[in-house]
């Protein structure tokens, strides 16, 4: 399977890449490093990334900041600071 790992060079992303790399074709996406660069806060950057990498079978996103609070109080501002 061809799987995109956004944030694949980060702390958690590296472990995800290790776990998946033996059985899957991985594309690593990151802000400054990886197979393809992407700014996950920009819809245009995300669209450009998908144009470059083509069809995927799966996506894992380990990039971004965390929200620590009740799920029902989470807003889009928490997801895209």
PDB file of N, CA and C in Angstrom:
ATOM      1  N   UNK A   1       0.830  -1.184   0.000  1.00  0.00           N
ATOM      2  CA  UNK A   1       0.000   0.000   0.000  1.00  0.00           C
ATOM      3  C   UNK A   1       0.876   1.250   0.000  1.00  0.00           C
ATOM      4  N   UNK A   2       0.414   2.280  -0.655  1.00  0.00           N
ATOM      5  CA  UNK A   2       1.103   3.572  -0.659  1.00  0.00           C
ATOM      6  C   UNK A   2       0.466   4.450   0.414  1.00  0.00           C
ATOM      7  N   UNK A   3       1.273   4.796   1.425  1.00  0.00           N
ATOM      8  CA  UNK A   3       0.759   5.530   2.578  1.00  0.00           C
ATOM      9  C   UNK A   3       1.538   6.823   2.776  1.00  0.00           C
ATOM     10  N   UNK A   4       0.813   7.913   2.960  1.00  0.00           N
ATOM     11  CA  UNK A   4       1.401   9.208   3.280  1.00  0.00           C
ATOM     12  C   UNK A   4       1.503   9.333   4.793  1.00  0.00           C
ATOM     13  N   UNK A   5       2.686   9.672   5.288  1.00  0.00           N
ATOM     14  CA  UNK A   5       2.872   9.949   6.714  1.00  0.00           C
ATOM     15  C   UNK A   5       3.266  11.416   6.838  1.00  0.00           C
ATOM     16  N   UNK A   6       2.324  12.250   7.244  1.00  0.00           N
ATOM     17  CA  UNK A   6       2.594  13.671   7.446  1.00  0.00           C
ATOM     18  C   UNK A   6       3.189  13.821   8.842  1.00  0.00           C
ATOM     19  N   UNK A   7       4.345  14.472   8.911  1.00  0.00           N
ATOM     20  CA  UNK A   7       5.048  14.583  10.184  1.00  0.00           C
ATOM     21  C   UNK A   7       5.934  13.379  10.447  1.00  0.00           C
ATOM     22  N   UNK A   8       6.305  12.693   9.385  1.00  0.00           N
ATOM     23  CA  UNK A   8       7.078  11.460   9.499  1.00  0.00           C
ATOM     24  C   UNK A   8       8.497  11.614   9.996  1.00  0.00           C
ATOM     25  N   UNK A   9       8.981  12.830  10.127  1.00  0.00           N
ATOM     26  CA  UNK A   9      10.333  13.066  10.648  1.00  0.00           C
ATOM     27  C   UNK A   9      10.315  13.490  12.114  1.00  0.00           C
ATOM     28  N   UNK A  10       9.128  13.654  12.677  1.00  0.00           N
ATOM     29  CA  UNK A  10       9.003  14.070  14.074  1.00  0.00           C
ATOM     30  C   UNK A  10       9.120  12.903  15.039  1.00  0.00           C
ATOM     31  N   UNK A  11       8.952  13.191  16.300  1.00  0.00           N
ATOM     32  CA  UNK A  11       9.119  12.193  17.356  1.00  0.00           C
ATOM     33  C   UNK A  11       8.189  10.996  17.178  1.00  0.00           C
ATOM     34  N   UNK A  12       6.914  11.233  17.054  1.00  0.00           N
ATOM     35  CA  UNK A  12       5.953  10.143  16.875  1.00  0.00           C
ATOM     36  C   UNK A  12       6.018   9.613  15.449  1.00  0.00           C
ATOM     37  N   UNK A  13       6.146  10.510  14.485  1.00  0.00           N
ATOM     38  CA  UNK A  13       6.186  10.117  13.083  1.00  0.00           C
ATOM     39  C   UNK A  13       7.287   9.133  12.756  1.00  0.00           C
ATOM     40  N   UNK A  14       8.457   9.300  13.353  1.00  0.00           N
ATOM     41  CA  UNK A  14       9.567   8.371  13.109  1.00  0.00           C
ATOM     42  C   UNK A  14       9.183   6.955  13.505  1.00  0.00           C
ATOM     43  N   UNK A  15       8.477   6.809  14.605  1.00  0.00           N
ATOM     44  CA  UNK A  15       8.054   5.477  15.063  1.00  0.00           C
ATOM     45  C   UNK A  15       6.990   4.888  14.135  1.00  0.00           C
ATOM     46  N   UNK A  16       6.105   5.720  13.643  1.00  0.00           N
ATOM     47  CA  UNK A  16       5.100   5.262  12.690  1.00  0.00           C
ATOM     48  C   UNK A  16       5.786   4.772  11.419  1.00  0.00           C
ATOM     49  N   UNK A  17       6.753   5.536  10.936  1.00  0.00           N
ATOM     50  CA  UNK A  17       7.503   5.149   9.740  1.00  0.00           C
ATOM     51  C   UNK A  17       8.211   3.815   9.966  1.00  0.00           C
ATOM     52  N   UNK A  18       8.846   3.647  11.113  1.00  0.00           N
ATOM     53  CA  UNK A  18       9.515   2.378  11.428  1.00  0.00           C
ATOM     54  C   UNK A  18       8.533   1.213  11.385  1.00  0.00           C
ATOM     55  N   UNK A  19       7.354   1.416  11.941  1.00  0.00           N
ATOM     56  CA  UNK A  19       6.363   0.347  12.021  1.00  0.00           C
ATOM     57  C   UNK A  19       5.777  -0.023  10.659  1.00  0.00           C
ATOM     58  N   UNK A  20       5.656   0.939   9.762  1.00  0.00           N
ATOM     59  CA  UNK A  20       5.000   0.699   8.478  1.00  0.00           C
ATOM     60  C   UNK A  20       5.943   0.409   7.322  1.00  0.00           C
ATOM     61  N   UNK A  21       7.192   0.812   7.434  1.00  0.00           N
ATOM     62  CA  UNK A  21       8.089   0.793   6.275  1.00  0.00           C
ATOM     63  C   UNK A  21       8.392  -0.594   5.719  1.00  0.00           C
ATOM     64  N   UNK A  22       8.352  -1.624   6.520  1.00  0.00           N
ATOM     65  CA  UNK A  22       8.684  -2.965   6.034  1.00  0.00           C
ATOM     66  C   UNK A  22       7.644  -3.503   5.055  1.00  0.00           C
ATOM     67  N   UNK A  23       6.405  -3.106   5.209  1.00  0.00           N
ATOM     68  CA  UNK A  23       5.336  -3.689   4.393  1.00  0.00           C
ATOM     69  C   UNK A  23       4.640  -2.705   3.462  1.00  0.00           C
ATOM     70  N   UNK A  24       5.028  -1.433   3.513  1.00  0.00           N
ATOM     71  CA  UNK A  24       4.310  -0.436   2.727  1.00  0.00           C
ATOM     72  C   UNK A  24       5.266   0.531   2.037  1.00  0.00           C
ATOM     73  N   UNK A  25       4.781   1.117   0.944  1.00  0.00           N
ATOM     74  CA  UNK A  25       5.504   2.168   0.228  1.00  0.00           C
ATOM     75  C   UNK A  25       5.092   3.487   0.880  1.00  0.00           C
ATOM     76  N   UNK A  26       6.035   4.117   1.578  1.00  0.00           N
ATOM     77  CA  UNK A  26       5.710   5.329   2.327  1.00  0.00           C
ATOM     78  C   UNK A  26       6.152   6.588   1.601  1.00  0.00           C
ATOM     79  N   UNK A  27       5.336   7.623   1.719  1.00  0.00           N
ATOM     80  CA  UNK A  27       5.672   8.971   1.277  1.00  0.00           C
ATOM     81  C   UNK A  27       5.671   9.811   2.548  1.00  0.00           C
ATOM     82  N   UNK A  28       6.797  10.456   2.834  1.00  0.00           N
ATOM     83  CA  UNK A  28       6.919  11.257   4.045  1.00  0.00           C
ATOM     84  C   UNK A  28       6.680  12.718   3.697  1.00  0.00           C
ATOM     85  N   UNK A  29       5.734  13.332   4.387  1.00  0.00           N
ATOM     86  CA  UNK A  29       5.437  14.746   4.190  1.00  0.00           C
ATOM     87  C   UNK A  29       5.810  15.537   5.430  1.00  0.00           C
ATOM     88  N   UNK A  30       6.377  16.713   5.216  1.00  0.00           N
ATOM     89  CA  UNK A  30       6.753  17.549   6.348  1.00  0.00           C
ATOM     90  C   UNK A  30       6.832  19.007   5.964  1.00  0.00           C
ATOM     91  N   UNK A  31       6.899  19.842   6.962  1.00  0.00           N
ATOM     92  CA  UNK A  31       6.975  21.290   6.726  1.00  0.00           C
ATOM     93  C   UNK A  31       8.260  21.666   6.002  1.00  0.00           C
ATOM     94  N   UNK A  32       9.388  21.079   6.430  1.00  0.00           N
ATOM     95  CA  UNK A  32      10.680  21.440   5.841  1.00  0.00           C
ATOM     96  C   UNK A  32      11.447  20.254   5.273  1.00  0.00           C
ATOM     97  N   UNK A  33      11.085  19.046   5.654  1.00  0.00           N
ATOM     98  CA  UNK A  33      11.811  17.859   5.207  1.00  0.00           C
ATOM     99  C   UNK A  33      10.834  16.773   4.789  1.00  0.00           C
ATOM    100  N   UNK A  34      11.363  15.763   4.131  1.00  0.00           N
ATOM    101  CA  UNK A  34      10.544  14.638   3.702  1.00  0.00           C
ATOM    102  C   UNK A  34      10.540  14.516   2.196  1.00  0.00           C
ATOM    103  N   UNK A  35       9.741  13.580   1.704  1.00  0.00           N
ATOM    104  CA  UNK A  35       9.624  13.374   0.258  1.00  0.00           C
ATOM    105  C   UNK A  35       8.858  14.512  -0.401  1.00  0.00           C
ATOM    106  N   UNK A  36       7.962  15.113   0.345  1.00  0.00           N
ATOM    107  CA  UNK A  36       7.162  16.233  -0.152  1.00  0.00           C
ATOM    108  C   UNK A  36       6.957  17.209   1.007  1.00  0.00           C
ATOM    109  N   UNK A  37       7.016  18.505   0.715  1.00  0.00           N
ATOM    110  CA  UNK A  37       6.792  19.500   1.768  1.00  0.00           C
ATOM    111  C   UNK A  37       5.333  19.939   1.761  1.00  0.00           C
ATOM    112  N   UNK A  38       4.826  20.233   2.957  1.00  0.00           N
ATOM    113  CA  UNK A  38       3.431  20.644   3.087  1.00  0.00           C
ATOM    114  C   UNK A  38       3.270  21.497   4.339  1.00  0.00           C
ATOM    115  N   UNK A  39       2.473  22.551   4.199  1.00  0.00           N
ATOM    116  CA  UNK A  39       2.069  23.383   5.333  1.00  0.00           C
ATOM    117  C   UNK A  39       0.645  22.957   5.665  1.00  0.00           C
ATOM    118  N   UNK A  40       0.472  22.202   6.741  1.00  0.00           N
ATOM    119  CA  UNK A  40      -0.851  21.649   7.033  1.00  0.00           C
ATOM    120  C   UNK A  40      -1.873  22.698   7.464  1.00  0.00           C
ATOM    121  N   UNK A  41      -1.444  23.937   7.635  1.00  0.00           N
ATOM    122  CA  UNK A  41      -2.398  25.007   7.946  1.00  0.00           C
ATOM    123  C   UNK A  41      -2.880  25.719   6.687  1.00  0.00           C
ATOM    124  N   UNK A  42      -2.415  25.260   5.515  1.00  0.00           N
ATOM    125  CA  UNK A  42      -2.767  25.896   4.245  1.00  0.00           C
ATOM    126  C   UNK A  42      -3.457  24.899   3.313  1.00  0.00           C
ATOM    127  N   UNK A  43      -4.718  25.175   2.993  1.00  0.00           N
ATOM    128  CA  UNK A  43      -5.458  24.298   2.081  1.00  0.00           C
ATOM    129  C   UNK A  43      -4.776  24.217   0.719  1.00  0.00           C
ATOM    130  N   UNK A  44      -4.205  25.324   0.248  1.00  0.00           N
ATOM    131  CA  UNK A  44      -3.517  25.332  -1.048  1.00  0.00           C
ATOM    132  C   UNK A  44      -2.281  24.435  -1.019  1.00  0.00           C
ATOM    133  N   UNK A  45      -1.536  24.473   0.074  1.00  0.00           N
ATOM    134  CA  UNK A  45      -0.349  23.635   0.211  1.00  0.00           C
ATOM    135  C   UNK A  45      -0.728  22.156   0.251  1.00  0.00           C
ATOM    136  N   UNK A  46      -1.801  21.842   0.945  1.00  0.00           N
ATOM    137  CA  UNK A  46      -2.270  20.455   1.022  1.00  0.00           C
ATOM    138  C   UNK A  46      -2.704  19.968  -0.356  1.00  0.00           C
ATOM    139  N   UNK A  47      -3.452  20.788  -1.082  1.00  0.00           N
ATOM    140  CA  UNK A  47      -3.888  20.418  -2.430  1.00  0.00           C
ATOM    141  C   UNK A  47      -2.696  20.207  -3.351  1.00  0.00           C
ATOM    142  N   UNK A  48      -1.701  21.085  -3.263  1.00  0.00           N
ATOM    143  CA  UNK A  48      -0.491  20.959  -4.075  1.00  0.00           C
ATOM    144  C   UNK A  48       0.245  19.656  -3.760  1.00  0.00           C
ATOM    145  N   UNK A  49       0.309  19.306  -2.487  1.00  0.00           N
ATOM    146  CA  UNK A  49       0.968  18.069  -2.085  1.00  0.00           C
ATOM    147  C   UNK A  49       0.282  16.869  -2.731  1.00  0.00           C
ATOM    148  N   UNK A  50      -1.050  16.819  -2.684  1.00  0.00           N
ATOM    149  CA  UNK A  50      -1.767  15.686  -3.269  1.00  0.00           C
ATOM    150  C   UNK A  50      -1.594  15.632  -4.785  1.00  0.00           C
ATOM    151  N   UNK A  51      -1.495  16.780  -5.433  1.00  0.00           N
ATOM    152  CA  UNK A  51      -1.228  16.806  -6.868  1.00  0.00           C
ATOM    153  C   UNK A  51       0.125  16.175  -7.170  1.00  0.00           C
ATOM    154  N   UNK A  52       1.110  16.460  -6.337  1.00  0.00           N
ATOM    155  CA  UNK A  52       2.463  15.937  -6.546  1.00  0.00           C
ATOM    156  C   UNK A  52       2.575  14.439  -6.293  1.00  0.00           C
ATOM    157  N   UNK A  53       1.891  13.927  -5.283  1.00  0.00           N
ATOM    158  CA  UNK A  53       2.114  12.525  -4.917  1.00  0.00           C
ATOM    159  C   UNK A  53       1.116  11.555  -5.528  1.00  0.00           C
ATOM    160  N   UNK A  54       0.006  12.043  -6.028  1.00  0.00           N
ATOM    161  CA  UNK A  54      -0.942  11.152  -6.694  1.00  0.00           C
ATOM    162  C   UNK A  54      -1.762  10.300  -5.741  1.00  0.00           C
ATOM    163  N   UNK A  55      -2.213   9.154  -6.258  1.00  0.00           N
ATOM    164  CA  UNK A  55      -3.125   8.271  -5.532  1.00  0.00           C
ATOM    165  C   UNK A  55      -2.466   7.642  -4.311  1.00  0.00           C
ATOM    166  N   UNK A  56      -3.220   7.591  -3.230  1.00  0.00           N
ATOM    167  CA  UNK A  56      -2.758   6.981  -1.978  1.00  0.00           C
ATOM    168  C   UNK A  56      -3.762   5.934  -1.516  1.00  0.00           C
ATOM    169  N   UNK A  57      -3.269   5.007  -0.716  1.00  0.00           N
ATOM    170  CA  UNK A  57      -4.141   4.016  -0.091  1.00  0.00           C
ATOM    171  C   UNK A  57      -4.447   4.369   1.359  1.00  0.00           C
ATOM    172  N   UNK A  58      -3.615   5.227   1.958  1.00  0.00           N
ATOM    173  CA  UNK A  58      -3.830   5.597   3.348  1.00  0.00           C
ATOM    174  C   UNK A  58      -3.051   6.837   3.731  1.00  0.00           C
ATOM    175  N   UNK A  59      -3.491   7.480   4.800  1.00  0.00           N
ATOM    176  CA  UNK A  59      -2.833   8.683   5.316  1.00  0.00           C
ATOM    177  C   UNK A  59      -2.742   8.574   6.836  1.00  0.00           C
ATOM    178  N   UNK A  60      -1.561   8.888   7.367  1.00  0.00           N
ATOM    179  CA  UNK A  60      -1.364   8.999   8.809  1.00  0.00           C
ATOM    180  C   UNK A  60      -0.808  10.399   9.052  1.00  0.00           C
ATOM    181  N   UNK A  61      -1.436  11.156   9.932  1.00  0.00           N
ATOM    182  CA  UNK A  61      -0.955  12.501  10.240  1.00  0.00           C
ATOM    183  C   UNK A  61      -0.510  12.570  11.692  1.00  0.00           C
ATOM    184  N   UNK A  62       0.795  12.785  11.884  1.00  0.00           N
ATOM    185  CA  UNK A  62       1.340  12.934  13.231  1.00  0.00           C
ATOM    186  C   UNK A  62       1.861  14.348  13.445  1.00  0.00           C
ATOM    187  N   UNK A  63       1.550  15.245  12.524  1.00  0.00           N
ATOM    188  CA  UNK A  63       2.039  16.623  12.588  1.00  0.00           C
ATOM    189  C   UNK A  63       1.069  17.509  13.355  1.00  0.00           C
ATOM    190  N   UNK A  64       1.585  18.631  13.777  1.00  0.00           N
ATOM    191  CA  UNK A  64       0.736  19.634  14.392  1.00  0.00           C
ATOM    192  C   UNK A  64       0.852  19.663  15.897  1.00  0.00           C
ATOM    193  N   UNK A  65       0.041  20.496  16.478  1.00  0.00           N
ATOM    194  CA  UNK A  65       0.032  20.637  17.925  1.00  0.00           C
ATOM    195  C   UNK A  65      -1.104  19.813  18.504  1.00  0.00           C
ATOM    196  N   UNK A  66      -1.013  19.535  19.767  1.00  0.00           N
ATOM    197  CA  UNK A  66      -2.052  18.752  20.415  1.00  0.00           C
ATOM    198  C   UNK A  66      -3.061  19.630  21.124  1.00  0.00           C
ATOM    199  N   UNK A  67      -4.274  19.148  21.208  1.00  0.00           N
ATOM    200  CA  UNK A  67      -5.318  19.808  21.987  1.00  0.00           C
ATOM    201  C   UNK A  67      -5.581  18.932  23.199  1.00  0.00           C
ATOM    202  N   UNK A  68      -5.503  19.503  24.366  1.00  0.00           N
ATOM    203  CA  UNK A  68      -5.720  18.770  25.601  1.00  0.00           C
ATOM    204  C   UNK A  68      -6.915  19.363  26.318  1.00  0.00           C
ATOM    205  N   UNK A  69      -8.047  18.781  26.089  1.00  0.00           N
ATOM    206  CA  UNK A  69      -9.273  19.248  26.704  1.00  0.00           C
ATOM    207  C   UNK A  69     -10.425  18.367  26.278  1.00  0.00           C
ATOM    208  N   UNK A  70     -11.624  18.659  26.736  1.00  0.00           N
ATOM    209  CA  UNK A  70     -12.790  17.856  26.383  1.00  0.00           C
ATOM    210  C   UNK A  70     -13.051  17.875  24.874  1.00  0.00           C
ATOM    211  N   UNK A  71     -13.322  16.709  24.318  1.00  0.00           N
ATOM    212  CA  UNK A  71     -13.550  16.588  22.880  1.00  0.00           C
ATOM    213  C   UNK A  71     -14.703  17.472  22.423  1.00  0.00           C
ATOM    214  N   UNK A  72     -15.770  17.517  23.196  1.00  0.00           N
ATOM    215  CA  UNK A  72     -16.938  18.291  22.776  1.00  0.00           C
ATOM    216  C   UNK A  72     -16.722  19.802  22.848  1.00  0.00           C
ATOM    217  N   UNK A  73     -15.587  20.234  23.380  1.00  0.00           N
ATOM    218  CA  UNK A  73     -15.246  21.655  23.410  1.00  0.00           C
ATOM    219  C   UNK A  73     -14.197  22.025  22.359  1.00  0.00           C
ATOM    220  N   UNK A  74     -13.723  21.040  21.602  1.00  0.00           N
ATOM    221  CA  UNK A  74     -12.710  21.296  20.579  1.00  0.00           C
ATOM    222  C   UNK A  74     -13.343  22.051  19.406  1.00  0.00           C
ATOM    223  N   UNK A  75     -12.623  23.057  18.913  1.00  0.00           N
ATOM    224  CA  UNK A  75     -13.082  23.838  17.766  1.00  0.00           C
ATOM    225  C   UNK A  75     -12.057  23.728  16.642  1.00  0.00           C
ATOM    226  N   UNK A  76     -12.406  24.238  15.484  1.00  0.00           N
ATOM    227  CA  UNK A  76     -11.470  24.240  14.366  1.00  0.00           C
ATOM    228  C   UNK A  76     -10.226  25.057  14.697  1.00  0.00           C
ATOM    229  N   UNK A  77     -10.362  26.080  15.512  1.00  0.00           N
ATOM    230  CA  UNK A  77      -9.200  26.877  15.924  1.00  0.00           C
ATOM    231  C   UNK A  77      -8.185  26.030  16.692  1.00  0.00           C
ATOM    232  N   UNK A  78      -8.652  25.034  17.426  1.00  0.00           N
ATOM    233  CA  UNK A  78      -7.734  24.132  18.119  1.00  0.00           C
ATOM    234  C   UNK A  78      -6.972  23.256  17.124  1.00  0.00           C
ATOM    235  N   UNK A  79      -7.611  22.918  16.010  1.00  0.00           N
ATOM    236  CA  UNK A  79      -6.999  22.032  15.023  1.00  0.00           C
ATOM    237  C   UNK A  79      -6.049  22.753  14.087  1.00  0.00           C
ATOM    238  N   UNK A  80      -6.324  24.010  13.802  1.00  0.00           N
ATOM    239  CA  UNK A  80      -5.510  24.780  12.862  1.00  0.00           C
ATOM    240  C   UNK A  80      -5.121  26.102  13.507  1.00  0.00           C
ATOM    241  N   UNK A  81      -4.168  26.057  14.472  1.00  0.00           N
ATOM    242  CA  UNK A  81      -3.786  27.294  15.187  1.00  0.00           C
ATOM    243  C   UNK A  81      -3.091  28.291  14.286  1.00  0.00           C
TER     244      UNK A  81
END
